[in-house]
Structures are given as C-alpha cells and as structure tokens.
Amino acid sequence: MQQFLSILTFYRLFVLWSFIINIAITVINPYIFPAIITKLLLTVFLWYYISETASRRKLVLYKSLGISTLKLFSGLFCIDVLLTISFLSVVKEFI
C-alpha cells in the first residue's frame, strides 16, 4: 500500500499535464485505443526525460522505498490510462 501511495505521489506532479493532454486527445480523436497509445508514448518519453536529465535524482527516493523505475512508470501508466478511459467515457456521453 505504501508503494502505491508513493506512485500516486509521483503521479501528482504530472496530473495537470495529463488532464491537459486528455482534453487535447478529446478534441483531436476521442477514441480510447489511440488515447492509450498516446499515453504510452508520453510515458516512455517521460521516463527517458527523467532518466537522462538532472531530474534523475527524484528517482532515488522511490528506489529507496523499493520501487523500481519500471514499476514506477508502469504504475504511472496504469493510473493515467484508468483516468483517461473514465474521462473519455464521461465526455462521450455528453457529446
């Protein structure tokens, strides 16, 4: 449970950007499969960005809690996909 809460804390840093991307996806192509592929590519880009810049130091805390980089970003992707699917489902009901 502590690891899950730590992943949520890490996701909190990116939730605003994720919401903005969800709105852009809704405007451009409001289907679930392209949205999931887009989120996957953005998660891979985020992993690359964090691992190749000075932001790498942020990952030390999560490694000391026993969360590997793969586990952290896969958890981030799963949470983001769940929120994206629910957001797109709600928006599709009103459009």
Protein backbone atom coordinates (compact mmCIF):
# COMPACT_ATOMS: atom_id res chain seq x y z
CA MET A 1 0.00 0.00 0.00
CA GLN A 2 2.89 2.34 0.78
CA GLN A 3 4.36 1.77 -2.66
CA PHE A 4 1.01 2.53 -4.30
CA LEU A 5 0.71 5.77 -2.33
CA SER A 6 4.27 6.66 -3.35
CA ILE A 7 3.37 6.12 -7.01
CA LEU A 8 0.32 8.34 -6.55
CA THR A 9 2.55 11.00 -5.02
CA PHE A 10 4.80 10.81 -8.07
CA TYR A 11 1.75 10.98 -10.38
CA ARG A 12 0.52 14.08 -8.57
CA LEU A 13 3.35 16.03 -10.19
CA PHE A 14 2.00 15.20 -13.65
CA VAL A 15 -1.78 15.16 -13.15
CA LEU A 16 -2.32 18.67 -14.54
CA TRP A 17 -0.36 17.88 -17.71
CA SER A 18 -2.23 14.61 -18.05
CA PHE A 19 -5.55 16.42 -17.84
CA ILE A 20 -4.47 18.94 -20.49
CA ILE A 21 -3.40 16.07 -22.75
CA ASN A 22 -6.75 14.36 -22.12
CA ILE A 23 -8.55 17.47 -23.32
CA ALA A 24 -6.34 17.64 -26.42
CA ILE A 25 -6.98 13.96 -27.16
CA THR A 26 -10.71 14.54 -26.77
CA VAL A 27 -10.63 17.40 -29.26
CA ILE A 28 -8.43 15.62 -31.82
CA ASN A 29 -9.55 11.98 -31.66
CA PRO A 30 -11.85 10.94 -28.77
CA TYR A 31 -11.37 7.18 -29.12
CA ILE A 32 -9.92 5.03 -26.38
CA PHE A 33 -7.31 2.99 -28.29
CA PRO A 34 -5.43 6.00 -29.81
CA ALA A 35 -5.59 7.69 -26.40
CA ILE A 36 -3.94 4.69 -24.73
CA ILE A 37 -1.22 4.56 -27.38
CA THR A 38 -0.63 8.30 -26.95
CA LYS A 39 -0.37 7.92 -23.18
CA LEU A 40 2.05 5.02 -23.60
CA LEU A 41 4.31 7.06 -25.86
CA LEU A 42 4.17 10.01 -23.48
CA THR A 43 5.02 7.78 -20.52
CA VAL A 44 8.04 6.40 -22.39
CA PHE A 45 9.09 9.96 -23.24
CA LEU A 46 8.69 10.99 -19.59
CA TRP A 47 10.84 8.04 -18.48
CA TYR A 48 13.52 8.99 -20.99
CA TYR A 49 13.39 12.65 -19.99
CA ILE A 50 13.68 11.94 -16.28
CA SER A 51 16.40 9.31 -16.65
CA GLU A 52 18.56 11.49 -18.93
CA THR A 53 18.35 14.83 -17.12
CA ALA A 54 19.08 16.14 -13.66
CA SER A 55 15.59 15.02 -12.62
CA ARG A 56 17.10 11.56 -12.18
CA ARG A 57 17.72 12.45 -8.55
CA LYS A 58 13.95 12.32 -7.95
CA LEU A 59 14.02 8.58 -8.63
CA VAL A 60 16.43 7.90 -5.76
CA LEU A 61 13.62 8.31 -3.20
CA TYR A 62 11.46 5.74 -4.96
CA LYS A 63 14.35 3.30 -5.32
CA SER A 64 14.99 3.57 -1.58
CA LEU A 65 11.33 2.70 -0.98
CA GLY A 66 11.77 -0.46 -3.04
CA ILE A 67 10.05 0.80 -6.19
CA SER A 68 11.98 0.09 -9.36
CA THR A 69 11.87 2.51 -12.27
CA LEU A 70 9.85 0.03 -14.32
CA LYS A 71 7.33 -0.44 -11.52
CA LEU A 72 7.06 3.32 -11.00
CA PHE A 73 6.40 4.18 -14.63
CA SER A 74 4.16 1.18 -15.29
CA GLY A 75 2.09 2.17 -12.27
CA LEU A 76 2.03 5.73 -13.54
CA PHE A 77 0.84 4.48 -16.93
CA CYS A 78 -1.90 2.29 -15.43
CA ILE A 79 -3.26 5.10 -13.26
CA ASP A 80 -3.13 7.51 -16.18
CA VAL A 81 -4.90 5.09 -18.51
CA LEU A 82 -7.67 4.47 -15.98
CA LEU A 83 -8.24 8.20 -15.61
CA THR A 84 -8.10 8.73 -19.38
CA ILE A 85 -10.62 5.98 -20.09
CA SER A 86 -13.01 7.28 -17.46
CA PHE A 87 -12.59 10.85 -18.73
CA LEU A 88 -13.24 9.83 -22.34
CA SER A 89 -16.24 7.73 -21.32
CA VAL A 90 -17.81 10.64 -19.49
CA VAL A 91 -17.10 13.05 -22.34
CA LYS A 92 -18.52 10.66 -24.95
CA GLU A 93 -21.79 10.50 -23.01
CA PHE A 94 -22.23 14.25 -23.35
CA ILE A 95 -21.02 14.69 -26.93
